[in-house]
Amino acid sequence: MDYVKIGEHIFPTLLAISIDEQERGLMGRQWPPPVMTFVYGRPCQNKFWMKDTPSPLEILFCLNGKITSIYNGIPYSLSIMGSDDPSDIVIELPVGTCEAYNVAVGNDIEMQYAEDNKMKILMLKSGIFI
């Protein structure tokens, strides 16, 4: 199992590592959705929408182990979310999680990868696409 630690709270998370996994995200997942973490090989500008996503989400854009911005994802919305600033990790949480756990911009984040995903992450960060 993979985990994301936000502040002092640890959440089990699904990973979106491959391009296909990142394009699919949480589309079609009914309430309550799992936590999903999108991992990028290098910092880049990331933009999200909620097309085909029925559950409201809080979307955290992170860089170098810190939350840099938080957006509210509205189910089925085609509005584009994300700043022009780069991010290397994006985390999708069920709506209400930020308030319940005092998650805010500036909080530390840390990933804990399962053994079987460590090689995938290493390949991704080395520029080998999976």
Protein backbone atom coordinates (compact mmCIF):
# COMPACT_ATOMS: atom_id res chain seq x y z
CA MET A 1 0.00 0.00 0.00
CA ASP A 2 1.13 3.54 -0.75
CA TYR A 3 0.62 6.41 1.68
CA VAL A 4 0.74 10.18 1.65
CA LYS A 5 1.54 12.01 4.86
CA ILE A 6 0.04 15.49 5.08
CA GLY A 7 1.23 17.28 8.18
CA GLU A 8 0.84 14.64 10.88
CA HIS A 9 -1.93 12.69 9.13
CA ILE A 10 -1.29 9.59 7.01
CA PHE A 11 -3.71 8.59 4.25
CA PRO A 12 -3.66 5.44 2.13
CA THR A 13 -3.54 6.53 -1.52
CA LEU A 14 -3.88 5.17 -4.99
CA LEU A 15 -1.08 6.28 -7.31
CA ALA A 16 -1.42 7.71 -10.80
CA ILE A 17 2.05 7.25 -12.26
CA SER A 18 1.58 6.34 -15.92
CA ILE A 19 0.10 8.76 -18.44
CA ASP A 20 -2.94 6.49 -18.78
CA GLU A 21 -3.50 6.40 -14.99
CA GLN A 22 -3.15 10.18 -14.82
CA GLU A 23 -5.62 10.76 -17.65
CA ARG A 24 -8.19 8.46 -15.98
CA GLY A 25 -7.71 9.76 -12.40
CA LEU A 26 -10.87 9.33 -10.33
CA MET A 27 -13.27 9.45 -13.28
CA GLY A 28 -16.35 7.34 -12.56
CA ARG A 29 -15.51 6.79 -8.86
CA GLN A 30 -18.60 7.17 -6.70
CA TRP A 31 -18.66 8.74 -3.22
CA PRO A 32 -16.59 8.37 -1.19
CA PRO A 33 -13.66 8.35 -3.58
CA PRO A 34 -10.26 7.09 -2.48
CA VAL A 35 -7.34 9.46 -2.06
CA MET A 36 -5.37 9.57 -5.31
CA THR A 37 -1.85 10.93 -5.75
CA PHE A 38 -0.48 11.93 -9.15
CA VAL A 39 3.31 11.63 -9.25
CA TYR A 40 5.34 13.49 -11.89
CA GLY A 41 8.94 12.85 -12.90
CA ARG A 42 9.82 16.52 -12.77
CA PRO A 43 8.03 19.70 -11.71
CA CYS A 44 5.67 20.92 -14.41
CA GLN A 45 2.51 22.96 -14.83
CA ASN A 46 -0.46 20.70 -14.09
CA LYS A 47 -4.09 21.50 -14.82
CA PHE A 48 -7.10 19.36 -13.89
CA TRP A 49 -10.80 19.19 -14.69
CA MET A 50 -13.63 17.09 -13.28
CA LYS A 51 -15.18 15.70 -16.48
CA ASP A 52 -16.76 12.30 -15.72
CA THR A 53 -15.83 12.63 -12.01
CA PRO A 54 -19.02 12.33 -9.90
CA SER A 55 -17.51 13.02 -6.46
CA PRO A 56 -16.53 16.49 -5.19
CA LEU A 57 -12.80 16.72 -4.51
CA GLU A 58 -10.16 18.90 -2.94
CA ILE A 59 -7.14 19.02 -5.22
CA LEU A 60 -3.76 19.82 -3.65
CA PHE A 61 -0.90 20.96 -5.87
CA CYS A 62 2.49 20.34 -4.25
CA LEU A 63 6.11 21.13 -4.95
CA ASN A 64 9.20 19.94 -3.08
CA GLY A 65 7.22 18.45 -0.21
CA LYS A 66 4.88 21.43 0.40
CA ILE A 67 1.29 22.19 -0.57
CA THR A 68 1.37 25.24 -2.85
CA SER A 69 -2.33 25.56 -3.72
CA ILE A 70 -5.70 23.91 -3.09
CA TYR A 71 -8.66 23.88 -5.48
CA ASN A 72 -12.23 22.65 -5.03
CA GLY A 73 -13.26 20.22 -7.74
CA ILE A 74 -16.94 20.35 -8.66
CA PRO A 75 -18.40 17.10 -10.03
CA TYR A 76 -18.55 16.92 -13.84
CA SER A 77 -17.15 20.45 -14.23
CA LEU A 78 -15.16 21.30 -17.34
CA SER A 79 -13.52 24.27 -15.61
CA ILE A 80 -9.74 24.02 -15.59
CA MET A 81 -8.07 24.06 -12.13
CA GLY A 82 -4.43 24.64 -11.31
CA SER A 83 -1.99 27.50 -11.20
CA ASP A 84 0.76 28.40 -13.62
CA ASP A 85 3.28 27.41 -10.95
CA PRO A 86 4.91 23.99 -11.28
CA SER A 87 3.99 20.98 -9.16
CA ASP A 88 5.60 17.57 -8.80
CA ILE A 89 2.76 15.88 -6.90
CA VAL A 90 -1.00 16.48 -7.04
CA ILE A 91 -3.28 14.90 -4.44
CA GLU A 92 -7.04 14.43 -4.80
CA LEU A 93 -8.98 14.13 -1.52
CA PRO A 94 -12.70 13.71 -0.85
CA VAL A 95 -14.25 17.12 -0.20
CA GLY A 96 -14.20 18.00 3.51
CA THR A 97 -10.85 16.33 4.21
CA CYS A 98 -8.93 19.62 4.33
CA GLU A 99 -11.25 21.08 6.96
CA ALA A 100 -11.43 17.86 8.98
CA TYR A 101 -7.63 17.49 9.16
CA ASN A 102 -6.57 21.17 9.02
CA VAL A 103 -4.87 20.71 5.65
CA ALA A 104 -3.69 24.06 4.27
CA VAL A 105 -1.28 25.67 1.83
CA GLY A 106 2.21 25.40 3.26
CA ASN A 107 1.67 22.03 4.96
CA ASP A 108 4.39 19.43 4.48
CA ILE A 109 3.67 16.34 2.43
CA GLU A 110 5.66 13.14 2.27
CA MET A 111 5.15 10.03 0.14
CA GLN A 112 5.64 6.47 1.38
CA TYR A 113 5.71 4.10 -1.59
CA ALA A 114 5.06 0.36 -1.54
CA GLU A 115 8.02 -1.74 -2.67
CA ASP A 116 6.41 -2.61 -6.01
CA ASN A 117 5.95 1.09 -6.87
CA LYS A 118 9.41 2.29 -5.85
CA MET A 119 10.93 1.10 -9.16
CA LYS A 120 8.17 2.78 -11.18
CA ILE A 121 8.80 6.07 -9.36
CA LEU A 122 12.55 5.76 -9.89
CA MET A 123 12.01 5.14 -13.62
CA LEU A 124 9.64 8.09 -13.84
CA LYS A 125 12.06 10.45 -12.12
CA SER A 126 14.87 9.15 -14.37
CA GLY A 127 12.90 10.18 -17.44
CA ILE A 128 11.84 6.65 -18.45
CA PHE A 129 8.14 6.81 -19.30
CA ILE A 130 5.90 4.03 -18.08
